[in-house]
């Protein structure tokens, strides 16, 4: 069985959040990974692991089944940016802008 960093969320609380709230939370962890990448390798890795864990929880949420392809592609591009060759040409700013829209949507309850 997987050892979750977000144990409370993994046991069902994640499913109580809207899709926009889920994505905004993933974005917060991506922001932390960006912040720590050049400063502290351990903190960077923990933030990235949490972001990917939350993304997996989002993909596993049955309410998001119609978005599964997009969520899996998002995971692929995130991993490519932080761990591999960045073949998709991502930047910190592009990730920040991508997740900013979800923060806005979560706050206005779209």
PDB file of N, CA and C in Angstrom:
ATOM      1  N   UNK A   1       0.847  -1.187   0.000  1.00  0.00           N
ATOM      2  CA  UNK A   1       0.000   0.000   0.000  1.00  0.00           C
ATOM      3  C   UNK A   1       0.888   1.245   0.000  1.00  0.00           C
ATOM      4  N   UNK A   2       0.451   2.274  -0.652  1.00  0.00           N
ATOM      5  CA  UNK A   2       1.189   3.518  -0.751  1.00  0.00           C
ATOM      6  C   UNK A   2       1.147   4.270   0.572  1.00  0.00           C
ATOM      7  N   UNK A   3       2.283   4.838   0.956  1.00  0.00           N
ATOM      8  CA  UNK A   3       2.356   5.687   2.149  1.00  0.00           C
ATOM      9  C   UNK A   3       2.143   7.132   1.692  1.00  0.00           C
ATOM     10  N   UNK A   4       0.993   7.691   2.021  1.00  0.00           N
ATOM     11  CA  UNK A   4       0.649   9.034   1.595  1.00  0.00           C
ATOM     12  C   UNK A   4       1.228  10.081   2.534  1.00  0.00           C
ATOM     13  N   UNK A   5       1.700  11.186   1.966  1.00  0.00           N
ATOM     14  CA  UNK A   5       2.101  12.325   2.778  1.00  0.00           C
ATOM     15  C   UNK A   5       0.859  13.065   3.263  1.00  0.00           C
ATOM     16  N   UNK A   6      -0.162  13.088   2.432  1.00  0.00           N
ATOM     17  CA  UNK A   6      -1.439  13.732   2.768  1.00  0.00           C
ATOM     18  C   UNK A   6      -2.417  12.652   3.219  1.00  0.00           C
ATOM     19  N   UNK A   7      -2.170  12.064   4.377  1.00  0.00           N
ATOM     20  CA  UNK A   7      -2.966  10.919   4.843  1.00  0.00           C
ATOM     21  C   UNK A   7      -4.452  11.264   4.981  1.00  0.00           C
ATOM     22  N   UNK A   8      -4.753  12.414   5.565  1.00  0.00           N
ATOM     23  CA  UNK A   8      -6.146  12.807   5.773  1.00  0.00           C
ATOM     24  C   UNK A   8      -6.868  13.022   4.449  1.00  0.00           C
ATOM     25  N   UNK A   9      -6.179  13.628   3.498  1.00  0.00           N
ATOM     26  CA  UNK A   9      -6.789  13.840   2.191  1.00  0.00           C
ATOM     27  C   UNK A   9      -6.992  12.515   1.465  1.00  0.00           C
ATOM     28  N   UNK A  10      -6.019  11.626   1.596  1.00  0.00           N
ATOM     29  CA  UNK A  10      -6.096  10.343   0.892  1.00  0.00           C
ATOM     30  C   UNK A  10      -7.220   9.460   1.416  1.00  0.00           C
ATOM     31  N   UNK A  11      -7.637   9.670   2.652  1.00  0.00           N
ATOM     32  CA  UNK A  11      -8.693   8.833   3.222  1.00  0.00           C
ATOM     33  C   UNK A  11     -10.088   9.341   2.891  1.00  0.00           C
ATOM     34  N   UNK A  12     -10.206  10.306   2.034  1.00  0.00           N
ATOM     35  CA  UNK A  12     -11.523  10.717   1.578  1.00  0.00           C
ATOM     36  C   UNK A  12     -11.795  12.204   1.577  1.00  0.00           C
ATOM     37  N   UNK A  13     -11.045  12.973   2.349  1.00  0.00           N
ATOM     38  CA  UNK A  13     -11.312  14.411   2.399  1.00  0.00           C
ATOM     39  C   UNK A  13     -11.066  15.080   1.043  1.00  0.00           C
ATOM     40  N   UNK A  14     -10.166  14.521   0.260  1.00  0.00           N
ATOM     41  CA  UNK A  14      -9.857  15.097  -1.055  1.00  0.00           C
ATOM     42  C   UNK A  14     -11.106  15.126  -1.935  1.00  0.00           C
ATOM     43  N   UNK A  15     -11.917  14.108  -1.822  1.00  0.00           N
ATOM     44  CA  UNK A  15     -13.136  14.010  -2.634  1.00  0.00           C
ATOM     45  C   UNK A  15     -14.178  15.057  -2.250  1.00  0.00           C
ATOM     46  N   UNK A  16     -14.017  15.701  -1.099  1.00  0.00           N
ATOM     47  CA  UNK A  16     -14.943  16.767  -0.701  1.00  0.00           C
ATOM     48  C   UNK A  16     -14.584  18.112  -1.329  1.00  0.00           C
ATOM     49  N   UNK A  17     -13.417  18.186  -1.938  1.00  0.00           N
ATOM     50  CA  UNK A  17     -12.998  19.436  -2.584  1.00  0.00           C
ATOM     51  C   UNK A  17     -13.466  19.456  -4.024  1.00  0.00           C
ATOM     52  N   UNK A  18     -13.749  20.652  -4.519  1.00  0.00           N
ATOM     53  CA  UNK A  18     -14.104  20.787  -5.935  1.00  0.00           C
ATOM     54  C   UNK A  18     -12.864  20.546  -6.793  1.00  0.00           C
ATOM     55  N   UNK A  19     -13.079  20.314  -8.067  1.00  0.00           N
ATOM     56  CA  UNK A  19     -11.948  20.139  -8.987  1.00  0.00           C
ATOM     57  C   UNK A  19     -11.022  21.351  -8.942  1.00  0.00           C
ATOM     58  N   UNK A  20     -11.600  22.549  -8.909  1.00  0.00           N
ATOM     59  CA  UNK A  20     -10.774  23.764  -8.870  1.00  0.00           C
ATOM     60  C   UNK A  20      -9.957  23.837  -7.584  1.00  0.00           C
ATOM     61  N   UNK A  21     -10.554  23.431  -6.462  1.00  0.00           N
ATOM     62  CA  UNK A  21      -9.813  23.421  -5.198  1.00  0.00           C
ATOM     63  C   UNK A  21      -8.698  22.378  -5.229  1.00  0.00           C
ATOM     64  N   UNK A  22      -8.988  21.227  -5.811  1.00  0.00           N
ATOM     65  CA  UNK A  22      -7.957  20.198  -5.942  1.00  0.00           C
ATOM     66  C   UNK A  22      -6.777  20.729  -6.762  1.00  0.00           C
ATOM     67  N   UNK A  23      -7.081  21.333  -7.901  1.00  0.00           N
ATOM     68  CA  UNK A  23      -6.009  21.834  -8.772  1.00  0.00           C
ATOM     69  C   UNK A  23      -5.248  22.989  -8.116  1.00  0.00           C
ATOM     70  N   UNK A  24      -5.946  23.838  -7.382  1.00  0.00           N
ATOM     71  CA  UNK A  24      -5.273  24.942  -6.681  1.00  0.00           C
ATOM     72  C   UNK A  24      -4.302  24.397  -5.636  1.00  0.00           C
ATOM     73  N   UNK A  25      -4.689  23.327  -4.958  1.00  0.00           N
ATOM     74  CA  UNK A  25      -3.802  22.711  -3.971  1.00  0.00           C
ATOM     75  C   UNK A  25      -2.582  22.082  -4.634  1.00  0.00           C
ATOM     76  N   UNK A  26      -2.780  21.460  -5.767  1.00  0.00           N
ATOM     77  CA  UNK A  26      -1.643  20.925  -6.525  1.00  0.00           C
ATOM     78  C   UNK A  26      -0.715  22.074  -6.908  1.00  0.00           C
ATOM     79  N   UNK A  27      -1.308  23.169  -7.359  1.00  0.00           N
ATOM     80  CA  UNK A  27      -0.526  24.342  -7.736  1.00  0.00           C
ATOM     81  C   UNK A  27       0.295  24.894  -6.580  1.00  0.00           C
ATOM     82  N   UNK A  28      -0.232  24.833  -5.372  1.00  0.00           N
ATOM     83  CA  UNK A  28       0.526  25.294  -4.205  1.00  0.00           C
ATOM     84  C   UNK A  28       1.780  24.457  -4.000  1.00  0.00           C
ATOM     85  N   UNK A  29       1.646  23.164  -4.194  1.00  0.00           N
ATOM     86  CA  UNK A  29       2.814  22.292  -4.049  1.00  0.00           C
ATOM     87  C   UNK A  29       3.809  22.502  -5.192  1.00  0.00           C
ATOM     88  N   UNK A  30       3.308  22.738  -6.393  1.00  0.00           N
ATOM     89  CA  UNK A  30       4.201  23.040  -7.520  1.00  0.00           C
ATOM     90  C   UNK A  30       4.953  24.344  -7.238  1.00  0.00           C
ATOM     91  N   UNK A  31       4.261  25.321  -6.703  1.00  0.00           N
ATOM     92  CA  UNK A  31       4.895  26.593  -6.343  1.00  0.00           C
ATOM     93  C   UNK A  31       6.007  26.363  -5.314  1.00  0.00           C
ATOM     94  N   UNK A  32       5.746  25.509  -4.333  1.00  0.00           N
ATOM     95  CA  UNK A  32       6.777  25.181  -3.339  1.00  0.00           C
ATOM     96  C   UNK A  32       7.970  24.488  -3.991  1.00  0.00           C
ATOM     97  N   UNK A  33       7.693  23.586  -4.922  1.00  0.00           N
ATOM     98  CA  UNK A  33       8.784  22.898  -5.627  1.00  0.00           C
ATOM     99  C   UNK A  33       9.635  23.899  -6.404  1.00  0.00           C
ATOM    100  N   UNK A  34       8.986  24.838  -7.058  1.00  0.00           N
ATOM    101  CA  UNK A  34       9.715  25.885  -7.794  1.00  0.00           C
ATOM    102  C   UNK A  34      10.581  26.684  -6.827  1.00  0.00           C
ATOM    103  N   UNK A  35       9.999  27.065  -5.701  1.00  0.00           N
ATOM    104  CA  UNK A  35      10.707  27.880  -4.713  1.00  0.00           C
ATOM    105  C   UNK A  35      11.946  27.169  -4.173  1.00  0.00           C
ATOM    106  N   UNK A  36      11.820  25.881  -3.877  1.00  0.00           N
ATOM    107  CA  UNK A  36      12.895  25.151  -3.218  1.00  0.00           C
ATOM    108  C   UNK A  36      13.885  24.497  -4.163  1.00  0.00           C
ATOM    109  N   UNK A  37      13.584  24.438  -5.437  1.00  0.00           N
ATOM    110  CA  UNK A  37      14.447  23.705  -6.382  1.00  0.00           C
ATOM    111  C   UNK A  37      15.909  24.131  -6.293  1.00  0.00           C
ATOM    112  N   UNK A  38      16.173  25.411  -6.230  1.00  0.00           N
ATOM    113  CA  UNK A  38      17.554  25.895  -6.206  1.00  0.00           C
ATOM    114  C   UNK A  38      18.103  26.081  -4.789  1.00  0.00           C
ATOM    115  N   UNK A  39      17.219  25.965  -3.777  1.00  0.00           N
ATOM    116  CA  UNK A  39      17.642  26.279  -2.407  1.00  0.00           C
ATOM    117  C   UNK A  39      17.890  25.052  -1.540  1.00  0.00           C
ATOM    118  N   UNK A  40      17.035  24.036  -1.676  1.00  0.00           N
ATOM    119  CA  UNK A  40      17.118  22.890  -0.783  1.00  0.00           C
ATOM    120  C   UNK A  40      16.554  21.671  -1.512  1.00  0.00           C
ATOM    121  N   UNK A  41      17.444  20.766  -1.886  1.00  0.00           N
ATOM    122  CA  UNK A  41      17.046  19.613  -2.691  1.00  0.00           C
ATOM    123  C   UNK A  41      16.008  18.735  -1.975  1.00  0.00           C
ATOM    124  N   UNK A  42      16.151  18.553  -0.666  1.00  0.00           N
ATOM    125  CA  UNK A  42      15.202  17.717   0.070  1.00  0.00           C
ATOM    126  C   UNK A  42      13.815  18.346   0.099  1.00  0.00           C
ATOM    127  N   UNK A  43      13.733  19.644   0.391  1.00  0.00           N
ATOM    128  CA  UNK A  43      12.439  20.328   0.407  1.00  0.00           C
ATOM    129  C   UNK A  43      11.805  20.329  -0.982  1.00  0.00           C
ATOM    130  N   UNK A  44      12.641  20.519  -1.996  1.00  0.00           N
ATOM    131  CA  UNK A  44      12.161  20.472  -3.378  1.00  0.00           C
ATOM    132  C   UNK A  44      11.520  19.117  -3.664  1.00  0.00           C
ATOM    133  N   UNK A  45      12.227  18.044  -3.328  1.00  0.00           N
ATOM    134  CA  UNK A  45      11.730  16.701  -3.629  1.00  0.00           C
ATOM    135  C   UNK A  45      10.442  16.404  -2.873  1.00  0.00           C
ATOM    136  N   UNK A  46      10.373  16.838  -1.616  1.00  0.00           N
ATOM    137  CA  UNK A  46       9.143  16.611  -0.847  1.00  0.00           C
ATOM    138  C   UNK A  46       7.960  17.358  -1.457  1.00  0.00           C
ATOM    139  N   UNK A  47       8.178  18.601  -1.892  1.00  0.00           N
ATOM    140  CA  UNK A  47       7.095  19.376  -2.511  1.00  0.00           C
ATOM    141  C   UNK A  47       6.662  18.735  -3.824  1.00  0.00           C
ATOM    142  N   UNK A  48       7.616  18.309  -4.626  1.00  0.00           N
ATOM    143  CA  UNK A  48       7.275  17.653  -5.892  1.00  0.00           C
ATOM    144  C   UNK A  48       6.511  16.359  -5.638  1.00  0.00           C
ATOM    145  N   UNK A  49       6.973  15.576  -4.678  1.00  0.00           N
ATOM    146  CA  UNK A  49       6.267  14.327  -4.346  1.00  0.00           C
ATOM    147  C   UNK A  49       4.835  14.608  -3.899  1.00  0.00           C
ATOM    148  N   UNK A  50       4.652  15.653  -3.100  1.00  0.00           N
ATOM    149  CA  UNK A  50       3.292  16.001  -2.649  1.00  0.00           C
ATOM    150  C   UNK A  50       2.436  16.439  -3.828  1.00  0.00           C
ATOM    151  N   UNK A  51       3.000  17.222  -4.743  1.00  0.00           N
ATOM    152  CA  UNK A  51       2.241  17.660  -5.921  1.00  0.00           C
ATOM    153  C   UNK A  51       1.798  16.466  -6.749  1.00  0.00           C
ATOM    154  N   UNK A  52       2.701  15.526  -6.978  1.00  0.00           N
ATOM    155  CA  UNK A  52       2.351  14.348  -7.769  1.00  0.00           C
ATOM    156  C   UNK A  52       1.351  13.466  -7.035  1.00  0.00           C
ATOM    157  N   UNK A  53       1.478  13.375  -5.721  1.00  0.00           N
ATOM    158  CA  UNK A  53       0.521  12.607  -4.922  1.00  0.00           C
ATOM    159  C   UNK A  53      -0.880  13.209  -5.035  1.00  0.00           C
ATOM    160  N   UNK A  54      -0.978  14.527  -4.908  1.00  0.00           N
ATOM    161  CA  UNK A  54      -2.285  15.186  -5.026  1.00  0.00           C
ATOM    162  C   UNK A  54      -2.848  15.049  -6.434  1.00  0.00           C
ATOM    163  N   UNK A  55      -1.982  15.094  -7.404  1.00  0.00           N
ATOM    164  CA  UNK A  55      -2.424  14.905  -8.787  1.00  0.00           C
ATOM    165  C   UNK A  55      -2.959  13.486  -8.975  1.00  0.00           C
ATOM    166  N   UNK A  56      -2.302  12.504  -8.366  1.00  0.00           N
ATOM    167  CA  UNK A  56      -2.802  11.127  -8.442  1.00  0.00           C
ATOM    168  C   UNK A  56      -4.157  10.993  -7.753  1.00  0.00           C
ATOM    169  N   UNK A  57      -4.314  11.635  -6.593  1.00  0.00           N
ATOM    170  CA  UNK A  57      -5.609  11.604  -5.900  1.00  0.00           C
ATOM    171  C   UNK A  57      -6.696  12.242  -6.757  1.00  0.00           C
ATOM    172  N   UNK A  58      -6.353  13.306  -7.460  1.00  0.00           N
ATOM    173  CA  UNK A  58      -7.305  13.981  -8.340  1.00  0.00           C
ATOM    174  C   UNK A  58      -7.687  13.069  -9.506  1.00  0.00           C
ATOM    175  N   UNK A  59      -6.705  12.390 -10.076  1.00  0.00           N
ATOM    176  CA  UNK A  59      -6.977  11.467 -11.183  1.00  0.00           C
ATOM    177  C   UNK A  59      -7.817  10.282 -10.715  1.00  0.00           C
ATOM    178  N   UNK A  60      -7.634   9.867  -9.464  1.00  0.00           N
ATOM    179  CA  UNK A  60      -8.394   8.744  -8.919  1.00  0.00           C
ATOM    180  C   UNK A  60      -9.820   9.120  -8.519  1.00  0.00           C
ATOM    181  N   UNK A  61     -10.102  10.403  -8.397  1.00  0.00           N
ATOM    182  CA  UNK A  61     -11.434  10.877  -8.018  1.00  0.00           C
ATOM    183  C   UNK A  61     -12.393  10.619  -9.182  1.00  0.00           C
ATOM    184  N   UNK A  62     -13.392   9.788  -8.946  1.00  0.00           N
ATOM    185  CA  UNK A  62     -14.307   9.388 -10.028  1.00  0.00           C
ATOM    186  C   UNK A  62     -15.028  10.575 -10.658  1.00  0.00           C
ATOM    187  N   UNK A  63     -15.182  11.677  -9.926  1.00  0.00           N
ATOM    188  CA  UNK A  63     -15.838  12.855 -10.498  1.00  0.00           C
ATOM    189  C   UNK A  63     -15.006  13.466 -11.621  1.00  0.00           C
ATOM    190  N   UNK A  64     -13.722  13.137 -11.651  1.00  0.00           N
ATOM    191  CA  UNK A  64     -12.822  13.711 -12.656  1.00  0.00           C
ATOM    192  C   UNK A  64     -12.530  12.750 -13.799  1.00  0.00           C
ATOM    193  N   UNK A  65     -13.330  11.719 -13.956  1.00  0.00           N
ATOM    194  CA  UNK A  65     -13.047  10.694 -14.968  1.00  0.00           C
ATOM    195  C   UNK A  65     -12.992  11.264 -16.385  1.00  0.00           C
ATOM    196  N   UNK A  66     -13.800  12.255 -16.668  1.00  0.00           N
ATOM    197  CA  UNK A  66     -13.776  12.825 -18.024  1.00  0.00           C
ATOM    198  C   UNK A  66     -12.541  13.690 -18.256  1.00  0.00           C
ATOM    199  N   UNK A  67     -11.822  14.004 -17.192  1.00  0.00           N
ATOM    200  CA  UNK A  67     -10.594  14.815 -17.296  1.00  0.00           C
ATOM    201  C   UNK A  67      -9.335  13.962 -17.152  1.00  0.00           C
ATOM    202  N   UNK A  68      -9.508  12.653 -17.109  1.00  0.00           N
ATOM    203  CA  UNK A  68      -8.384  11.771 -16.807  1.00  0.00           C
ATOM    204  C   UNK A  68      -7.219  11.953 -17.782  1.00  0.00           C
ATOM    205  N   UNK A  69      -7.507  12.039 -19.061  1.00  0.00           N
ATOM    206  CA  UNK A  69      -6.447  12.224 -20.055  1.00  0.00           C
ATOM    207  C   UNK A  69      -5.649  13.493 -19.807  1.00  0.00           C
ATOM    208  N   UNK A  70      -6.362  14.573 -19.521  1.00  0.00           N
ATOM    209  CA  UNK A  70      -5.700  15.851 -19.244  1.00  0.00           C
ATOM    210  C   UNK A  70      -4.865  15.770 -17.966  1.00  0.00           C
ATOM    211  N   UNK A  71      -5.397  15.119 -16.943  1.00  0.00           N
ATOM    212  CA  UNK A  71      -4.669  15.007 -15.677  1.00  0.00           C
ATOM    213  C   UNK A  71      -3.402  14.161 -15.835  1.00  0.00           C
ATOM    214  N   UNK A  72      -3.492  13.091 -16.601  1.00  0.00           N
ATOM    215  CA  UNK A  72      -2.318  12.255 -16.824  1.00  0.00           C
ATOM    216  C   UNK A  72      -1.277  12.977 -17.675  1.00  0.00           C
ATOM    217  N   UNK A  73      -1.736  13.762 -18.627  1.00  0.00           N
ATOM    218  CA  UNK A  73      -0.790  14.562 -19.423  1.00  0.00           C
ATOM    219  C   UNK A  73      -0.125  15.616 -18.539  1.00  0.00           C
ATOM    220  N   UNK A  74      -0.886  16.235 -17.661  1.00  0.00           N
ATOM    221  CA  UNK A  74      -0.338  17.205 -16.716  1.00  0.00           C
ATOM    222  C   UNK A  74       0.763  16.559 -15.878  1.00  0.00           C
ATOM    223  N   UNK A  75       0.516  15.357 -15.403  1.00  0.00           N
ATOM    224  CA  UNK A  75       1.519  14.645 -14.602  1.00  0.00           C
ATOM    225  C   UNK A  75       2.785  14.405 -15.423  1.00  0.00           C
ATOM    226  N   UNK A  76       2.601  13.988 -16.668  1.00  0.00           N
ATOM    227  CA  UNK A  76       3.726  13.738 -17.569  1.00  0.00           C
ATOM    228  C   UNK A  76       4.563  14.994 -17.782  1.00  0.00           C
ATOM    229  N   UNK A  77       3.897  16.111 -18.037  1.00  0.00           N
ATOM    230  CA  UNK A  77       4.615  17.357 -18.326  1.00  0.00           C
ATOM    231  C   UNK A  77       5.292  17.894 -17.064  1.00  0.00           C
ATOM    232  N   UNK A  78       4.638  17.765 -15.907  1.00  0.00           N
ATOM    233  CA  UNK A  78       5.274  18.169 -14.646  1.00  0.00           C
ATOM    234  C   UNK A  78       6.537  17.359 -14.386  1.00  0.00           C
ATOM    235  N   UNK A  79       6.429  16.041 -14.525  1.00  0.00           N
ATOM    236  CA  UNK A  79       7.597  15.183 -14.311  1.00  0.00           C
ATOM    237  C   UNK A  79       8.699  15.516 -15.309  1.00  0.00           C
ATOM    238  N   UNK A  80       8.329  15.763 -16.551  1.00  0.00           N
ATOM    239  CA  UNK A  80       9.315  16.127 -17.566  1.00  0.00           C
ATOM    240  C   UNK A  80      10.042  17.410 -17.178  1.00  0.00           C
ATOM    241  N   UNK A  81       9.308  18.386 -16.681  1.00  0.00           N
ATOM    242  CA  UNK A  81       9.910  19.674 -16.325  1.00  0.00           C
ATOM    243  C   UNK A  81      10.864  19.550 -15.146  1.00  0.00           C
ATOM    244  N   UNK A  82      10.430  18.884 -14.105  1.00  0.00           N
ATOM    245  CA  UNK A  82      11.227  18.844 -12.885  1.00  0.00           C
ATOM    246  C   UNK A  82      12.276  17.728 -12.857  1.00  0.00           C
ATOM    247  N   UNK A  83      12.063  16.644 -13.605  1.00  0.00           N
ATOM    248  CA  UNK A  83      12.936  15.478 -13.463  1.00  0.00           C
ATOM    249  C   UNK A  83      13.662  15.043 -14.731  1.00  0.00           C
ATOM    250  N   UNK A  84      13.193  15.501 -15.877  1.00  0.00           N
ATOM    251  CA  UNK A  84      13.768  14.979 -17.113  1.00  0.00           C
ATOM    252  C   UNK A  84      14.272  16.119 -18.009  1.00  0.00           C
ATOM    253  N   UNK A  85      14.059  16.041 -19.298  1.00  0.00           N
ATOM    254  CA  UNK A  85      14.692  16.954 -20.258  1.00  0.00           C
ATOM    255  C   UNK A  85      13.878  18.179 -20.625  1.00  0.00           C
ATOM    256  N   UNK A  86      12.703  18.350 -20.046  1.00  0.00           N
ATOM    257  CA  UNK A  86      11.822  19.483 -20.344  1.00  0.00           C
ATOM    258  C   UNK A  86      11.570  19.615 -21.850  1.00  0.00           C
ATOM    259  N   UNK A  87      11.185  18.518 -22.466  1.00  0.00           N
ATOM    260  CA  UNK A  87      10.952  18.530 -23.910  1.00  0.00           C
ATOM    261  C   UNK A  87       9.739  19.381 -24.301  1.00  0.00           C
ATOM    262  N   UNK A  88       8.873  19.692 -23.324  1.00  0.00           N
ATOM    263  CA  UNK A  88       7.690  20.496 -23.609  1.00  0.00           C
ATOM    264  C   UNK A  88       7.955  21.993 -23.451  1.00  0.00           C
ATOM    265  N   UNK A  89       9.149  22.367 -23.020  1.00  0.00           N
ATOM    266  CA  UNK A  89       9.509  23.776 -22.908  1.00  0.00           C
ATOM    267  C   UNK A  89       8.808  24.524 -21.792  1.00  0.00           C
ATOM    268  N   UNK A  90       8.524  23.836 -20.693  1.00  0.00           N
ATOM    269  CA  UNK A  90       7.883  24.498 -19.548  1.00  0.00           C
ATOM    270  C   UNK A  90       8.845  25.465 -18.868  1.00  0.00           C
ATOM    271  N   UNK A  91       8.269  26.434 -18.178  1.00  0.00           N
ATOM    272  CA  UNK A  91       9.044  27.375 -17.365  1.00  0.00           C
ATOM    273  C   UNK A  91       8.323  27.555 -16.033  1.00  0.00           C
ATOM    274  N   UNK A  92       9.046  28.084 -15.062  1.00  0.00           N
ATOM    275  CA  UNK A  92       8.406  28.388 -13.777  1.00  0.00           C
ATOM    276  C   UNK A  92       7.194  29.282 -13.991  1.00  0.00           C
ATOM    277  N   UNK A  93       7.363  30.313 -14.787  1.00  0.00           N
ATOM    278  CA  UNK A  93       6.291  31.284 -15.017  1.00  0.00           C
ATOM    279  C   UNK A  93       5.070  30.634 -15.677  1.00  0.00           C
ATOM    280  N   UNK A  94       5.298  29.748 -16.623  1.00  0.00           N
ATOM    281  CA  UNK A  94       4.168  29.062 -17.274  1.00  0.00           C
ATOM    282  C   UNK A  94       3.389  28.212 -16.271  1.00  0.00           C
ATOM    283  N   UNK A  95       4.102  27.535 -15.372  1.00  0.00           N
ATOM    284  CA  UNK A  95       3.415  26.745 -14.353  1.00  0.00           C
ATOM    285  C   UNK A  95       2.655  27.639 -13.393  1.00  0.00           C
ATOM    286  N   UNK A  96       3.265  28.726 -12.999  1.00  0.00           N
ATOM    287  CA  UNK A  96       2.586  29.650 -12.089  1.00  0.00           C
ATOM    288  C   UNK A  96       1.312  30.201 -12.731  1.00  0.00           C
ATOM    289  N   UNK A  97       1.390  30.582 -13.989  1.00  0.00           N
ATOM    290  CA  UNK A  97       0.214  31.103 -14.691  1.00  0.00           C
ATOM    291  C   UNK A  97      -0.864  30.030 -14.855  1.00  0.00           C
ATOM    292  N   UNK A  98      -0.458  28.812 -15.158  1.00  0.00           N
ATOM    293  CA  UNK A  98      -1.417  27.713 -15.330  1.00  0.00           C
ATOM    294  C   UNK A  98      -2.232  27.511 -14.057  1.00  0.00           C
ATOM    295  N   UNK A  99      -1.554  27.433 -12.923  1.00  0.00           N
ATOM    296  CA  UNK A  99      -2.257  27.155 -11.683  1.00  0.00           C
ATOM    297  C   UNK A  99      -2.952  28.382 -11.105  1.00  0.00           C
ATOM    298  N   UNK A 100      -2.557  29.571 -11.492  1.00  0.00           N
ATOM    299  CA  UNK A 100      -3.206  30.790 -11.018  1.00  0.00           C
ATOM    300  C   UNK A 100      -4.694  30.795 -11.376  1.00  0.00           C
ATOM    301  N   UNK A 101      -5.026  30.315 -12.550  1.00  0.00           N
ATOM    302  CA  UNK A 101      -6.434  30.272 -12.974  1.00  0.00           C
ATOM    303  C   UNK A 101      -7.261  29.380 -12.041  1.00  0.00           C
ATOM    304  N   UNK A 102      -6.696  28.288 -11.581  1.00  0.00           N
ATOM    305  CA  UNK A 102      -7.424  27.400 -10.667  1.00  0.00           C
ATOM    306  C   UNK A 102      -7.587  28.047  -9.292  1.00  0.00           C
ATOM    307  N   UNK A 103      -6.571  28.786  -8.850  1.00  0.00           N
ATOM    308  CA  UNK A 103      -6.705  29.515  -7.585  1.00  0.00           C
ATOM    309  C   UNK A 103      -7.855  30.508  -7.665  1.00  0.00           C
ATOM    310  N   UNK A 104      -7.916  31.224  -8.758  1.00  0.00           N
ATOM    311  CA  UNK A 104      -8.987  32.203  -8.947  1.00  0.00           C
ATOM    312  C   UNK A 104     -10.349  31.513  -8.962  1.00  0.00           C
ATOM    313  N   UNK A 105     -10.459  30.440  -9.745  1.00  0.00           N
ATOM    314  CA  UNK A 105     -11.731  29.728  -9.856  1.00  0.00           C
ATOM    315  C   UNK A 105     -12.167  29.136  -8.514  1.00  0.00           C
ATOM    316  N   UNK A 106     -11.228  28.630  -7.739  1.00  0.00           N
ATOM    317  CA  UNK A 106     -11.564  28.056  -6.435  1.00  0.00           C
ATOM    318  C   UNK A 106     -12.059  29.133  -5.487  1.00  0.00           C
ATOM    319  N   UNK A 107     -11.489  30.315  -5.578  1.00  0.00           N
ATOM    320  CA  UNK A 107     -11.885  31.415  -4.672  1.00  0.00           C
ATOM    321  C   UNK A 107     -13.260  31.984  -5.010  1.00  0.00           C
ATOM    322  N   UNK A 108     -13.607  32.003  -6.280  1.00  0.00           N
ATOM    323  CA  UNK A 108     -14.906  32.556  -6.662  1.00  0.00           C
ATOM    324  C   UNK A 108     -15.977  31.479  -6.778  1.00  0.00           C
ATOM    325  N   UNK A 109     -15.607  30.251  -6.388  1.00  0.00           N
ATOM    326  CA  UNK A 109     -16.541  29.129  -6.364  1.00  0.00           C
ATOM    327  C   UNK A 109     -17.183  28.830  -7.694  1.00  0.00           C
ATOM    328  N   UNK A 110     -16.384  28.782  -8.729  1.00  0.00           N
ATOM    329  CA  UNK A 110     -16.925  28.430 -10.054  1.00  0.00           C
ATOM    330  C   UNK A 110     -17.295  26.968 -10.114  1.00  0.00           C
TER     331      UNK A 110
END
